[in-house]
Amino acid sequence: MAEEKGIPKDYNLDAKWDACLDLSLRRLVYSSFAGAFSGLLLFRSPVTRWASVAFGAGVGLGSAYSDCSQLFDKPTANLRPATVSETPISQDRQE
């Protein structure tokens, strides 16, 4: 709906928040399940099994936070030049 109004994708914060929330929930759930499964296989004590689940959830949330921060910190404007010279800088200075 925001795309219909003409808001560019880079400026649409609703889409960024939706993508970040989706990514965070998926990684939290999948890594918690992985932690629970590995806890059931490797540990006998319920405390260590819950610690394995908590560790998996922490890894998932940390991974999601890292990707979401890159999504929001990405510059909105493309500031690079359109063409990049393939000659090394040293050859440009000699000419």
Protein backbone atom coordinates (compact mmCIF):
# COMPACT_ATOMS: atom_id res chain seq x y z
CA MET A 1 0.00 0.00 0.00
CA ALA A 2 2.86 2.38 0.72
CA GLU A 3 4.36 1.56 -2.67
CA GLU A 4 1.15 2.71 -4.37
CA LYS A 5 1.46 6.18 -2.85
CA GLY A 6 4.91 6.59 -4.35
CA ILE A 7 7.06 6.22 -1.24
CA PRO A 8 10.44 4.80 -2.26
CA LYS A 9 11.39 1.49 -0.69
CA ASP A 10 14.43 3.01 1.03
CA TYR A 11 12.27 5.53 2.91
CA ASN A 12 9.45 3.17 3.86
CA LEU A 13 10.03 2.52 7.56
CA ASP A 14 6.93 0.36 7.87
CA ALA A 15 8.39 -2.20 5.49
CA LYS A 16 11.70 -2.15 7.37
CA TRP A 17 9.98 -2.71 10.71
CA ASP A 18 7.86 -5.51 9.27
CA ALA A 19 10.91 -7.23 7.82
CA CYS A 20 12.83 -6.81 11.07
CA LEU A 21 9.99 -8.19 13.20
CA ASP A 22 9.52 -11.15 10.87
CA LEU A 23 13.25 -11.89 10.86
CA SER A 24 13.49 -11.61 14.66
CA LEU A 25 10.55 -13.92 15.35
CA ARG A 26 11.72 -16.53 12.87
CA ARG A 27 15.27 -16.60 14.17
CA LEU A 28 14.11 -16.67 17.80
CA VAL A 29 11.78 -19.62 17.22
CA TYR A 30 14.12 -21.62 14.97
CA SER A 31 17.15 -21.19 17.19
CA SER A 32 15.10 -21.99 20.33
CA PHE A 33 13.95 -25.22 18.70
CA ALA A 34 17.53 -26.02 17.75
CA GLY A 35 18.63 -25.35 21.32
CA ALA A 36 15.84 -27.53 22.71
CA PHE A 37 16.66 -30.36 20.32
CA SER A 38 20.37 -30.24 21.07
CA GLY A 39 19.61 -29.97 24.79
CA LEU A 40 17.50 -33.12 24.63
CA LEU A 41 20.28 -34.96 22.82
CA LEU A 42 23.25 -33.77 24.85
CA PHE A 43 22.14 -33.03 28.40
CA ARG A 44 20.36 -34.94 31.17
CA SER A 45 19.62 -32.21 33.69
CA PRO A 46 16.57 -30.01 33.09
CA VAL A 47 18.60 -26.95 34.08
CA THR A 48 21.19 -27.52 31.37
CA ARG A 49 18.46 -28.26 28.85
CA TRP A 50 16.79 -24.92 29.59
CA ALA A 51 20.18 -23.25 29.43
CA SER A 52 20.61 -24.74 25.97
CA VAL A 53 17.24 -23.33 24.91
CA ALA A 54 18.15 -19.92 26.34
CA PHE A 55 21.50 -19.97 24.57
CA GLY A 56 19.82 -20.82 21.27
CA ALA A 57 17.29 -18.02 21.74
CA GLY A 58 20.10 -15.59 22.52
CA VAL A 59 22.00 -16.57 19.41
CA GLY A 60 18.87 -16.12 17.30
CA LEU A 61 18.04 -12.71 18.76
CA GLY A 62 21.64 -11.55 18.45
CA SER A 63 21.74 -12.59 14.82
CA ALA A 64 18.44 -10.86 14.12
CA TYR A 65 19.59 -7.70 15.90
CA SER A 66 22.76 -7.62 13.81
CA ASP A 67 20.85 -7.92 10.53
CA CYS A 68 18.15 -5.44 11.57
CA SER A 69 20.71 -2.84 12.61
CA GLN A 70 22.35 -3.17 9.19
CA LEU A 71 18.94 -2.79 7.57
CA PHE A 72 18.20 0.45 9.43
CA ASP A 73 21.73 1.88 9.23
CA LYS A 74 21.96 1.39 5.48
CA PRO A 75 22.25 4.75 3.75
CA THR A 76 19.17 5.68 1.83
CA ALA A 77 20.92 7.49 -1.00
CA ASN A 78 23.43 5.88 -3.30
CA LEU A 79 26.46 8.14 -2.93
CA ARG A 80 28.85 6.09 -5.05
CA PRO A 81 29.71 7.32 -8.52
CA ALA A 82 27.80 5.65 -11.33
CA THR A 83 30.96 4.44 -13.08
CA VAL A 84 34.04 3.11 -11.38
CA SER A 85 37.40 3.40 -13.06
CA GLU A 86 39.10 0.06 -13.50
CA THR A 87 42.58 1.58 -13.67
CA PRO A 88 44.53 1.70 -10.41
CA ILE A 89 44.88 5.05 -8.67
CA SER A 90 48.63 5.08 -9.23
CA GLN A 91 48.13 5.08 -13.04
CA ASP A 92 45.61 7.93 -12.80
CA ARG A 93 48.12 10.10 -10.93
CA GLN A 94 50.89 9.50 -13.45
CA GLU A 95 48.84 10.84 -16.36
